[in-house]
Amino acid sequence: MKGRSVLDQMRAICLALPDTKETLTWGQPHFRVGEKIFAGCGEEKGRVVIGFKLDMDHADAIIQDPRFWRAPYVGHKGWVSMDANAVDDWDEVRPLVLESYRLIAPRRTVAKLDGGAVPAAPKVSQKKGAKAARKTAKTTAKKTAKKTASKAAKTSRGRRS
């Protein structure tokens, strides 16, 4: 790790991604896409570490390497810590941070990264769409009928003949 600091290296990687910012969270620098953390940098048990989220299968595999371990509190969700002093090549870290970003970022933001259009939402057939609309209308009608009946009962109890 020559030249730039760990934090400078993480800034260069993280802040180059769309809609990202650096925040101080729990007294340590973290990188967010929107309001969600996708990477961090700090100290853990006296050593400088970086952290990011990976797909669970990838996280399970990577912790076999002694430079990596499950992050405290959130490791069971795929978050991994890495000994920053063991980084020889930051080009090895970049795809790990990018994986985390893709897991955390909204679809629209990932589309910006990919330089393409936002992936279309899955299409619902007209038949299914119409069925869902009828079901919603039916549910709303039932709720309205219950409220009306309840109000009518309360009003009739209060009247004197």
N, C-alpha and C. Protein backbone atom coordinates (compact mmCIF):
# COMPACT_ATOMS: atom_id res chain seq x y z
N MET A 1 0.83 -1.18 0.00
CA MET A 1 0.00 0.00 0.00
C MET A 1 0.88 1.24 0.00
N LYS A 2 1.32 1.67 -1.14
CA LYS A 2 2.21 2.81 -1.25
C LYS A 2 1.44 4.00 -1.76
N GLY A 3 1.90 5.20 -1.37
CA GLY A 3 1.30 6.41 -1.90
C GLY A 3 0.06 6.85 -1.16
N ARG A 4 -1.07 6.66 -1.76
CA ARG A 4 -2.33 7.15 -1.22
C ARG A 4 -2.79 6.34 -0.01
N SER A 5 -3.53 7.01 0.88
CA SER A 5 -4.06 6.33 2.06
C SER A 5 -5.22 5.41 1.67
N VAL A 6 -5.58 4.54 2.59
CA VAL A 6 -6.70 3.63 2.37
C VAL A 6 -7.97 4.44 2.08
N LEU A 7 -8.20 5.46 2.87
CA LEU A 7 -9.40 6.29 2.67
C LEU A 7 -9.37 6.97 1.30
N ASP A 8 -8.22 7.47 0.89
CA ASP A 8 -8.12 8.09 -0.43
C ASP A 8 -8.42 7.08 -1.54
N GLN A 9 -7.92 5.86 -1.39
CA GLN A 9 -8.18 4.81 -2.38
C GLN A 9 -9.67 4.48 -2.44
N MET A 10 -10.30 4.35 -1.26
CA MET A 10 -11.74 4.04 -1.21
C MET A 10 -12.56 5.19 -1.79
N ARG A 11 -12.15 6.42 -1.49
CA ARG A 11 -12.86 7.57 -2.08
C ARG A 11 -12.80 7.53 -3.60
N ALA A 12 -11.62 7.25 -4.13
CA ALA A 12 -11.45 7.21 -5.58
C ALA A 12 -12.37 6.16 -6.22
N ILE A 13 -12.50 5.03 -5.58
CA ILE A 13 -13.35 3.96 -6.12
C ILE A 13 -14.82 4.28 -5.94
N CYS A 14 -15.21 4.62 -4.71
CA CYS A 14 -16.63 4.78 -4.38
C CYS A 14 -17.27 6.04 -4.96
N LEU A 15 -16.57 7.16 -4.87
CA LEU A 15 -17.18 8.42 -5.30
C LEU A 15 -17.20 8.57 -6.83
N ALA A 16 -16.56 7.65 -7.55
CA ALA A 16 -16.64 7.66 -9.01
C ALA A 16 -17.95 7.05 -9.50
N LEU A 17 -18.68 6.39 -8.59
CA LEU A 17 -19.94 5.74 -8.95
C LEU A 17 -21.10 6.73 -8.87
N PRO A 18 -22.15 6.57 -9.68
CA PRO A 18 -23.27 7.51 -9.70
C PRO A 18 -24.00 7.62 -8.35
N ASP A 19 -24.39 8.84 -8.02
CA ASP A 19 -25.24 9.14 -6.86
C ASP A 19 -24.64 8.70 -5.53
N THR A 20 -23.33 8.82 -5.39
CA THR A 20 -22.68 8.40 -4.15
C THR A 20 -22.21 9.61 -3.35
N LYS A 21 -22.03 9.36 -2.06
CA LYS A 21 -21.50 10.39 -1.17
C LYS A 21 -20.81 9.71 0.00
N GLU A 22 -19.96 10.49 0.65
CA GLU A 22 -19.26 10.00 1.83
C GLU A 22 -19.92 10.61 3.06
N THR A 23 -20.15 9.80 4.08
CA THR A 23 -20.71 10.29 5.34
C THR A 23 -19.89 9.72 6.49
N LEU A 24 -19.95 10.40 7.60
CA LEU A 24 -19.33 9.89 8.81
C LEU A 24 -20.43 9.19 9.58
N THR A 25 -20.33 7.88 9.72
CA THR A 25 -21.34 7.07 10.38
C THR A 25 -20.65 6.22 11.43
N TRP A 26 -21.16 6.23 12.64
CA TRP A 26 -20.56 5.51 13.76
C TRP A 26 -19.08 5.89 13.93
N GLY A 27 -18.80 7.16 13.63
CA GLY A 27 -17.44 7.67 13.79
C GLY A 27 -16.46 7.24 12.72
N GLN A 28 -16.94 6.61 11.65
CA GLN A 28 -16.07 6.10 10.59
C GLN A 28 -16.62 6.55 9.23
N PRO A 29 -15.74 6.73 8.22
CA PRO A 29 -16.23 7.11 6.89
C PRO A 29 -16.94 5.94 6.20
N HIS A 30 -18.11 6.24 5.68
CA HIS A 30 -18.88 5.25 4.92
C HIS A 30 -19.31 5.88 3.61
N PHE A 31 -19.58 5.05 2.64
CA PHE A 31 -19.98 5.53 1.33
C PHE A 31 -21.40 5.04 1.06
N ARG A 32 -22.21 5.97 0.60
CA ARG A 32 -23.63 5.70 0.39
C ARG A 32 -24.03 5.92 -1.05
N VAL A 33 -25.00 5.16 -1.48
CA VAL A 33 -25.68 5.41 -2.74
C VAL A 33 -27.09 5.76 -2.30
N GLY A 34 -27.51 6.98 -2.61
CA GLY A 34 -28.74 7.48 -2.01
C GLY A 34 -28.50 7.58 -0.51
N GLU A 35 -29.32 6.93 0.27
CA GLU A 35 -29.16 6.96 1.73
C GLU A 35 -28.67 5.63 2.29
N LYS A 36 -28.30 4.70 1.42
CA LYS A 36 -27.91 3.36 1.88
C LYS A 36 -26.40 3.16 1.78
N ILE A 37 -25.81 2.61 2.81
CA ILE A 37 -24.38 2.35 2.85
C ILE A 37 -24.06 1.16 1.93
N PHE A 38 -23.02 1.32 1.10
CA PHE A 38 -22.56 0.19 0.29
C PHE A 38 -21.09 -0.15 0.55
N ALA A 39 -20.37 0.71 1.26
CA ALA A 39 -18.97 0.42 1.60
C ALA A 39 -18.54 1.29 2.76
N GLY A 40 -17.50 0.85 3.43
CA GLY A 40 -16.99 1.62 4.55
C GLY A 40 -15.50 1.44 4.71
N CYS A 41 -14.95 2.28 5.55
CA CYS A 41 -13.52 2.28 5.79
C CYS A 41 -13.34 2.68 7.25
N GLY A 42 -12.48 1.99 7.97
CA GLY A 42 -12.30 2.36 9.36
C GLY A 42 -11.33 1.45 10.08
N GLU A 43 -11.57 1.35 11.37
CA GLU A 43 -10.70 0.54 12.20
C GLU A 43 -11.52 -0.52 12.91
N GLU A 44 -10.99 -1.71 12.96
CA GLU A 44 -11.65 -2.83 13.61
C GLU A 44 -10.57 -3.63 14.35
N LYS A 45 -10.72 -3.72 15.64
CA LYS A 45 -9.75 -4.46 16.48
C LYS A 45 -8.31 -4.01 16.22
N GLY A 46 -8.13 -2.71 16.13
CA GLY A 46 -6.78 -2.16 15.99
C GLY A 46 -6.18 -2.21 14.60
N ARG A 47 -6.93 -2.63 13.59
CA ARG A 47 -6.38 -2.64 12.24
C ARG A 47 -7.31 -1.90 11.28
N VAL A 48 -6.71 -1.34 10.25
CA VAL A 48 -7.48 -0.59 9.24
C VAL A 48 -8.17 -1.61 8.34
N VAL A 49 -9.49 -1.42 8.17
CA VAL A 49 -10.27 -2.34 7.35
C VAL A 49 -11.16 -1.58 6.38
N ILE A 50 -11.54 -2.29 5.35
CA ILE A 50 -12.58 -1.79 4.44
C ILE A 50 -13.69 -2.82 4.47
N GLY A 51 -14.91 -2.38 4.22
CA GLY A 51 -16.04 -3.30 4.26
C GLY A 51 -16.97 -3.06 3.10
N PHE A 52 -17.66 -4.12 2.69
CA PHE A 52 -18.60 -4.06 1.59
C PHE A 52 -19.50 -5.28 1.65
N LYS A 53 -20.60 -5.22 0.92
CA LYS A 53 -21.55 -6.34 0.89
C LYS A 53 -21.34 -7.14 -0.38
N LEU A 54 -21.39 -8.46 -0.23
CA LEU A 54 -21.27 -9.35 -1.38
C LEU A 54 -22.47 -10.29 -1.42
N ASP A 55 -22.69 -10.87 -2.59
CA ASP A 55 -23.69 -11.91 -2.71
C ASP A 55 -23.32 -12.99 -1.68
N MET A 56 -24.28 -13.61 -1.03
CA MET A 56 -24.00 -14.55 0.06
C MET A 56 -23.04 -15.67 -0.35
N ASP A 57 -23.21 -16.24 -1.53
CA ASP A 57 -22.31 -17.30 -1.97
C ASP A 57 -20.88 -16.77 -2.14
N HIS A 58 -20.77 -15.57 -2.66
CA HIS A 58 -19.46 -14.96 -2.84
C HIS A 58 -18.83 -14.66 -1.48
N ALA A 59 -19.62 -14.14 -0.55
CA ALA A 59 -19.13 -13.85 0.80
C ALA A 59 -18.65 -15.13 1.48
N ASP A 60 -19.42 -16.19 1.35
CA ASP A 60 -19.02 -17.48 1.95
C ASP A 60 -17.69 -17.96 1.38
N ALA A 61 -17.49 -17.77 0.10
CA ALA A 61 -16.26 -18.23 -0.54
C ALA A 61 -15.06 -17.34 -0.19
N ILE A 62 -15.28 -16.03 -0.18
CA ILE A 62 -14.15 -15.11 0.00
C ILE A 62 -13.58 -15.13 1.42
N ILE A 63 -14.39 -15.48 2.40
CA ILE A 63 -13.87 -15.49 3.77
C ILE A 63 -12.92 -16.66 4.01
N GLN A 64 -12.75 -17.52 3.01
CA GLN A 64 -11.75 -18.58 3.11
C GLN A 64 -10.34 -17.98 2.99
N ASP A 65 -10.26 -16.81 2.37
CA ASP A 65 -9.00 -16.07 2.25
C ASP A 65 -8.77 -15.35 3.59
N PRO A 66 -7.60 -15.50 4.22
CA PRO A 66 -7.37 -14.91 5.54
C PRO A 66 -7.42 -13.39 5.59
N ARG A 67 -7.41 -12.72 4.44
CA ARG A 67 -7.53 -11.25 4.43
C ARG A 67 -8.95 -10.79 4.67
N PHE A 68 -9.93 -11.71 4.60
CA PHE A 68 -11.35 -11.38 4.71
C PHE A 68 -12.00 -12.11 5.88
N TRP A 69 -13.04 -11.50 6.45
CA TRP A 69 -13.86 -12.14 7.48
C TRP A 69 -15.23 -11.48 7.47
N ARG A 70 -16.18 -12.15 8.08
CA ARG A 70 -17.54 -11.59 8.15
C ARG A 70 -17.51 -10.32 8.99
N ALA A 71 -18.18 -9.29 8.52
CA ALA A 71 -18.22 -8.02 9.24
C ALA A 71 -19.05 -8.18 10.51
N PRO A 72 -18.64 -7.49 11.58
CA PRO A 72 -19.42 -7.58 12.82
C PRO A 72 -20.85 -7.08 12.59
N TYR A 73 -21.79 -7.71 13.24
CA TYR A 73 -23.21 -7.36 13.24
C TYR A 73 -23.96 -7.66 11.94
N VAL A 74 -23.33 -7.50 10.79
CA VAL A 74 -24.04 -7.65 9.51
C VAL A 74 -23.44 -8.72 8.60
N GLY A 75 -22.48 -9.45 9.09
CA GLY A 75 -21.83 -10.49 8.28
C GLY A 75 -22.80 -11.55 7.80
N HIS A 76 -23.82 -11.81 8.60
CA HIS A 76 -24.82 -12.83 8.21
C HIS A 76 -25.66 -12.38 7.01
N LYS A 77 -25.52 -11.10 6.62
CA LYS A 77 -26.26 -10.59 5.45
C LYS A 77 -25.34 -10.40 4.25
N GLY A 78 -24.11 -10.92 4.34
CA GLY A 78 -23.20 -10.83 3.22
C GLY A 78 -22.13 -9.76 3.34
N TRP A 79 -22.15 -9.02 4.44
CA TRP A 79 -21.13 -7.98 4.62
C TRP A 79 -19.82 -8.61 5.04
N VAL A 80 -18.74 -8.13 4.43
CA VAL A 80 -17.40 -8.67 4.63
C VAL A 80 -16.45 -7.53 4.97
N SER A 81 -15.52 -7.80 5.88
CA SER A 81 -14.44 -6.87 6.18
C SER A 81 -13.16 -7.41 5.56
N MET A 82 -12.29 -6.49 5.17
CA MET A 82 -11.01 -6.88 4.58
C MET A 82 -9.89 -6.09 5.23
N ASP A 83 -8.81 -6.74 5.55
CA ASP A 83 -7.63 -6.07 6.12
C ASP A 83 -7.05 -5.17 5.03
N ALA A 84 -7.14 -3.86 5.22
CA ALA A 84 -6.69 -2.91 4.20
C ALA A 84 -5.18 -2.96 4.00
N ASN A 85 -4.45 -3.33 5.02
CA ASN A 85 -3.00 -3.43 4.89
C ASN A 85 -2.57 -4.61 4.02
N ALA A 86 -3.49 -5.52 3.76
CA ALA A 86 -3.19 -6.69 2.92
C ALA A 86 -3.52 -6.44 1.45
N VAL A 87 -3.96 -5.21 1.13
CA VAL A 87 -4.29 -4.89 -0.26
C VAL A 87 -3.00 -4.57 -1.00
N ASP A 88 -2.68 -5.38 -1.98
CA ASP A 88 -1.50 -5.13 -2.81
C ASP A 88 -1.89 -4.38 -4.08
N ASP A 89 -3.12 -4.64 -4.55
CA ASP A 89 -3.57 -4.06 -5.80
C ASP A 89 -5.02 -3.61 -5.63
N TRP A 90 -5.24 -2.29 -5.69
CA TRP A 90 -6.58 -1.76 -5.50
C TRP A 90 -7.52 -2.14 -6.64
N ASP A 91 -6.97 -2.59 -7.75
CA ASP A 91 -7.83 -3.08 -8.84
C ASP A 91 -8.50 -4.39 -8.44
N GLU A 92 -8.00 -5.04 -7.41
CA GLU A 92 -8.63 -6.25 -6.88
C GLU A 92 -9.83 -5.86 -6.00
N VAL A 93 -9.77 -4.70 -5.37
CA VAL A 93 -10.83 -4.23 -4.47
C VAL A 93 -12.00 -3.64 -5.27
N ARG A 94 -11.67 -2.96 -6.37
CA ARG A 94 -12.69 -2.27 -7.17
C ARG A 94 -13.89 -3.15 -7.52
N PRO A 95 -13.73 -4.37 -8.05
CA PRO A 95 -14.90 -5.18 -8.39
C PRO A 95 -15.71 -5.61 -7.16
N LEU A 96 -15.07 -5.73 -6.01
CA LEU A 96 -15.78 -6.09 -4.78
C LEU A 96 -16.68 -4.93 -4.35
N VAL A 97 -16.14 -3.72 -4.42
CA VAL A 97 -16.93 -2.53 -4.08
C VAL A 97 -18.06 -2.36 -5.10
N LEU A 98 -17.77 -2.60 -6.35
CA LEU A 98 -18.79 -2.48 -7.40
C LEU A 98 -19.92 -3.50 -7.19
N GLU A 99 -19.57 -4.70 -6.77
CA GLU A 99 -20.60 -5.71 -6.47
C GLU A 99 -21.51 -5.22 -5.35
N SER A 100 -20.90 -4.66 -4.33
CA SER A 100 -21.67 -4.13 -3.20
C SER A 100 -22.61 -3.01 -3.67
N TYR A 101 -22.07 -2.10 -4.46
CA TYR A 101 -22.85 -0.99 -5.00
C TYR A 101 -24.06 -1.51 -5.78
N ARG A 102 -23.83 -2.50 -6.64
CA ARG A 102 -24.94 -3.05 -7.43
C ARG A 102 -25.99 -3.73 -6.57
N LEU A 103 -25.57 -4.33 -5.46
CA LEU A 103 -26.53 -4.99 -4.56
C LEU A 103 -27.37 -3.97 -3.79
N ILE A 104 -26.80 -2.81 -3.52
CA ILE A 104 -27.45 -1.81 -2.67
C ILE A 104 -28.21 -0.75 -3.48
N ALA A 105 -27.66 -0.32 -4.59
CA ALA A 105 -28.22 0.80 -5.36
C ALA A 105 -29.57 0.46 -5.98
N PRO A 106 -30.44 1.48 -6.11
CA PRO A 106 -31.71 1.27 -6.81
C PRO A 106 -31.45 0.95 -8.30
N ARG A 107 -32.39 0.27 -8.93
CA ARG A 107 -32.25 -0.13 -10.34
C ARG A 107 -31.93 1.05 -11.25
N ARG A 108 -32.59 2.18 -11.00
CA ARG A 108 -32.38 3.36 -11.84
C ARG A 108 -30.94 3.85 -11.76
N THR A 109 -30.37 3.77 -10.58
CA THR A 109 -29.00 4.22 -10.39
C THR A 109 -28.02 3.25 -11.05
N VAL A 110 -28.28 1.96 -10.93
CA VAL A 110 -27.43 0.97 -11.59
C VAL A 110 -27.50 1.17 -13.10
N ALA A 111 -28.67 1.55 -13.61
CA ALA A 111 -28.82 1.79 -15.05
C ALA A 111 -27.93 2.96 -15.48
N LYS A 112 -27.80 3.97 -14.63
CA LYS A 112 -26.90 5.09 -14.93
C LYS A 112 -25.47 4.59 -15.05
N LEU A 113 -25.09 3.70 -14.16
CA LEU A 113 -23.74 3.13 -14.17
C LEU A 113 -23.49 2.37 -15.46
N ASP A 114 -24.49 1.63 -15.89
CA ASP A 114 -24.36 0.80 -17.09
C ASP A 114 -24.53 1.62 -18.37
N GLY A 115 -24.92 2.89 -18.22
CA GLY A 115 -25.07 3.77 -19.37
C GLY A 115 -26.26 3.45 -20.23
N GLY A 116 -27.20 2.72 -19.68
CA GLY A 116 -28.37 2.33 -20.46
C GLY A 116 -29.65 2.85 -19.85
N ALA A 117 -30.71 2.43 -20.44
CA ALA A 117 -32.03 2.80 -19.95
C ALA A 117 -32.37 1.96 -18.74
N VAL A 118 -33.31 2.45 -17.98
CA VAL A 118 -33.78 1.73 -16.80
C VAL A 118 -34.48 0.47 -17.27
N PRO A 119 -34.14 -0.68 -16.68
CA PRO A 119 -34.83 -1.91 -17.07
C PRO A 119 -36.33 -1.78 -16.81
N ALA A 120 -37.09 -2.22 -17.76
CA ALA A 120 -38.55 -2.12 -17.63
C ALA A 120 -39.05 -3.05 -16.54
N ALA A 121 -40.09 -2.60 -15.87
CA ALA A 121 -40.73 -3.45 -14.87
C ALA A 121 -41.39 -4.61 -15.62
N PRO A 122 -41.50 -5.75 -14.97
CA PRO A 122 -42.13 -6.88 -15.65
C PRO A 122 -43.55 -6.52 -16.07
N LYS A 123 -43.89 -6.91 -17.30
CA LYS A 123 -45.23 -6.59 -17.81
C LYS A 123 -46.26 -7.52 -17.22
N VAL A 124 -47.41 -6.95 -16.92
CA VAL A 124 -48.54 -7.73 -16.42
C VAL A 124 -49.53 -7.80 -17.56
N SER A 125 -49.99 -8.98 -17.87
CA SER A 125 -50.93 -9.11 -18.98
C SER A 125 -52.19 -8.32 -18.66
N GLN A 126 -52.88 -7.91 -19.72
CA GLN A 126 -54.10 -7.13 -19.53
C GLN A 126 -55.12 -7.93 -18.73
N LYS A 127 -55.17 -9.22 -18.98
CA LYS A 127 -56.12 -10.07 -18.28
C LYS A 127 -55.83 -10.05 -16.78
N LYS A 128 -54.54 -10.24 -16.41
CA LYS A 128 -54.16 -10.23 -14.99
C LYS A 128 -54.34 -8.85 -14.40
N GLY A 129 -54.02 -7.81 -15.18
CA GLY A 129 -54.17 -6.44 -14.70
C GLY A 129 -55.63 -6.11 -14.41
N ALA A 130 -56.51 -6.53 -15.31
CA ALA A 130 -57.94 -6.29 -15.12
C ALA A 130 -58.46 -7.05 -13.92
N LYS A 131 -57.98 -8.28 -13.74
CA LYS A 131 -58.40 -9.09 -12.60
C LYS A 131 -57.97 -8.44 -11.29
N ALA A 132 -56.74 -7.93 -11.26
CA ALA A 132 -56.23 -7.26 -10.06
C ALA A 132 -57.04 -5.99 -9.77
N ALA A 133 -57.39 -5.26 -10.82
CA ALA A 133 -58.18 -4.03 -10.65
C ALA A 133 -59.57 -4.35 -10.08
N ARG A 134 -60.19 -5.43 -10.58
CA ARG A 134 -61.51 -5.82 -10.07
C ARG A 134 -61.42 -6.23 -8.61
N LYS A 135 -60.36 -6.96 -8.26
CA LYS A 135 -60.17 -7.41 -6.88
C LYS A 135 -60.00 -6.20 -5.95
N THR A 136 -59.19 -5.23 -6.38
CA THR A 136 -58.98 -4.02 -5.58
C THR A 136 -60.29 -3.26 -5.42
N ALA A 137 -61.05 -3.14 -6.50
CA ALA A 137 -62.33 -2.43 -6.43
C ALA A 137 -63.30 -3.15 -5.49
N LYS A 138 -63.32 -4.47 -5.56
CA LYS A 138 -64.20 -5.25 -4.70
C LYS A 138 -63.83 -5.06 -3.23
N THR A 139 -62.52 -5.12 -2.92
CA THR A 139 -62.04 -4.94 -1.55
C THR A 139 -62.41 -3.55 -1.04
N THR A 140 -62.19 -2.54 -1.87
CA THR A 140 -62.52 -1.17 -1.49
C THR A 140 -64.01 -1.02 -1.24
N ALA A 141 -64.83 -1.63 -2.09
CA ALA A 141 -66.28 -1.56 -1.93
C ALA A 141 -66.72 -2.21 -0.62
N LYS A 142 -66.12 -3.35 -0.27
CA LYS A 142 -66.45 -4.03 0.99
C LYS A 142 -66.09 -3.15 2.19
N LYS A 143 -64.92 -2.54 2.16
CA LYS A 143 -64.49 -1.68 3.27
C LYS A 143 -65.42 -0.48 3.42
N THR A 144 -65.78 0.11 2.28
CA THR A 144 -66.68 1.26 2.30
C THR A 144 -68.04 0.85 2.84
N ALA A 145 -68.53 -0.31 2.44
CA ALA A 145 -69.83 -0.79 2.91
C ALA A 145 -69.80 -1.02 4.42
N LYS A 146 -68.71 -1.58 4.94
CA LYS A 146 -68.60 -1.81 6.39
C LYS A 146 -68.61 -0.50 7.14
N LYS A 147 -67.85 0.49 6.65
CA LYS A 147 -67.80 1.79 7.32
C LYS A 147 -69.18 2.45 7.32
N THR A 148 -69.84 2.38 6.18
CA THR A 148 -71.17 2.98 6.06
C THR A 148 -72.15 2.30 7.02
N ALA A 149 -72.12 0.98 7.07
CA ALA A 149 -73.01 0.24 7.96
C ALA A 149 -72.71 0.58 9.41
N SER A 150 -71.45 0.71 9.74
CA SER A 150 -71.06 1.04 11.11
C SER A 150 -71.55 2.43 11.49
N LYS A 151 -71.39 3.40 10.59
CA LYS A 151 -71.86 4.77 10.87
C LYS A 151 -73.38 4.79 11.01
N ALA A 152 -74.06 4.06 10.14
CA ALA A 152 -75.53 4.02 10.18
C ALA A 152 -76.00 3.43 11.50
N ALA A 153 -75.33 2.39 11.97
CA ALA A 153 -75.72 1.77 13.24
C ALA A 153 -75.53 2.73 14.39
N LYS A 154 -74.44 3.46 14.40
CA LYS A 154 -74.17 4.43 15.46
C LYS A 154 -75.20 5.55 15.44
N THR A 155 -75.54 6.02 14.24
CA THR A 155 -76.50 7.12 14.09
C THR A 155 -77.87 6.69 14.54
N SER A 156 -78.31 5.47 14.16
CA SER A 156 -79.65 5.02 14.52
C SER A 156 -79.76 4.77 16.03
N ARG A 157 -78.67 4.42 16.68
CA ARG A 157 -78.72 4.21 18.13
C ARG A 157 -78.90 5.51 18.88
N GLY A 158 -78.40 6.58 18.27
CA GLY A 158 -78.47 7.87 18.94
C GLY A 158 -79.81 8.57 18.76
N ARG A 159 -80.68 8.14 17.86
CA ARG A 159 -81.97 8.81 17.59
C ARG A 159 -83.04 8.33 18.56
N ARG A 160 -83.93 9.25 18.88
CA ARG A 160 -85.08 8.87 19.71
C ARG A 160 -86.35 8.87 18.88
N SER A 161 -87.20 7.93 19.13
CA SER A 161 -88.45 7.86 18.35
C SER A 161 -89.56 8.52 19.08
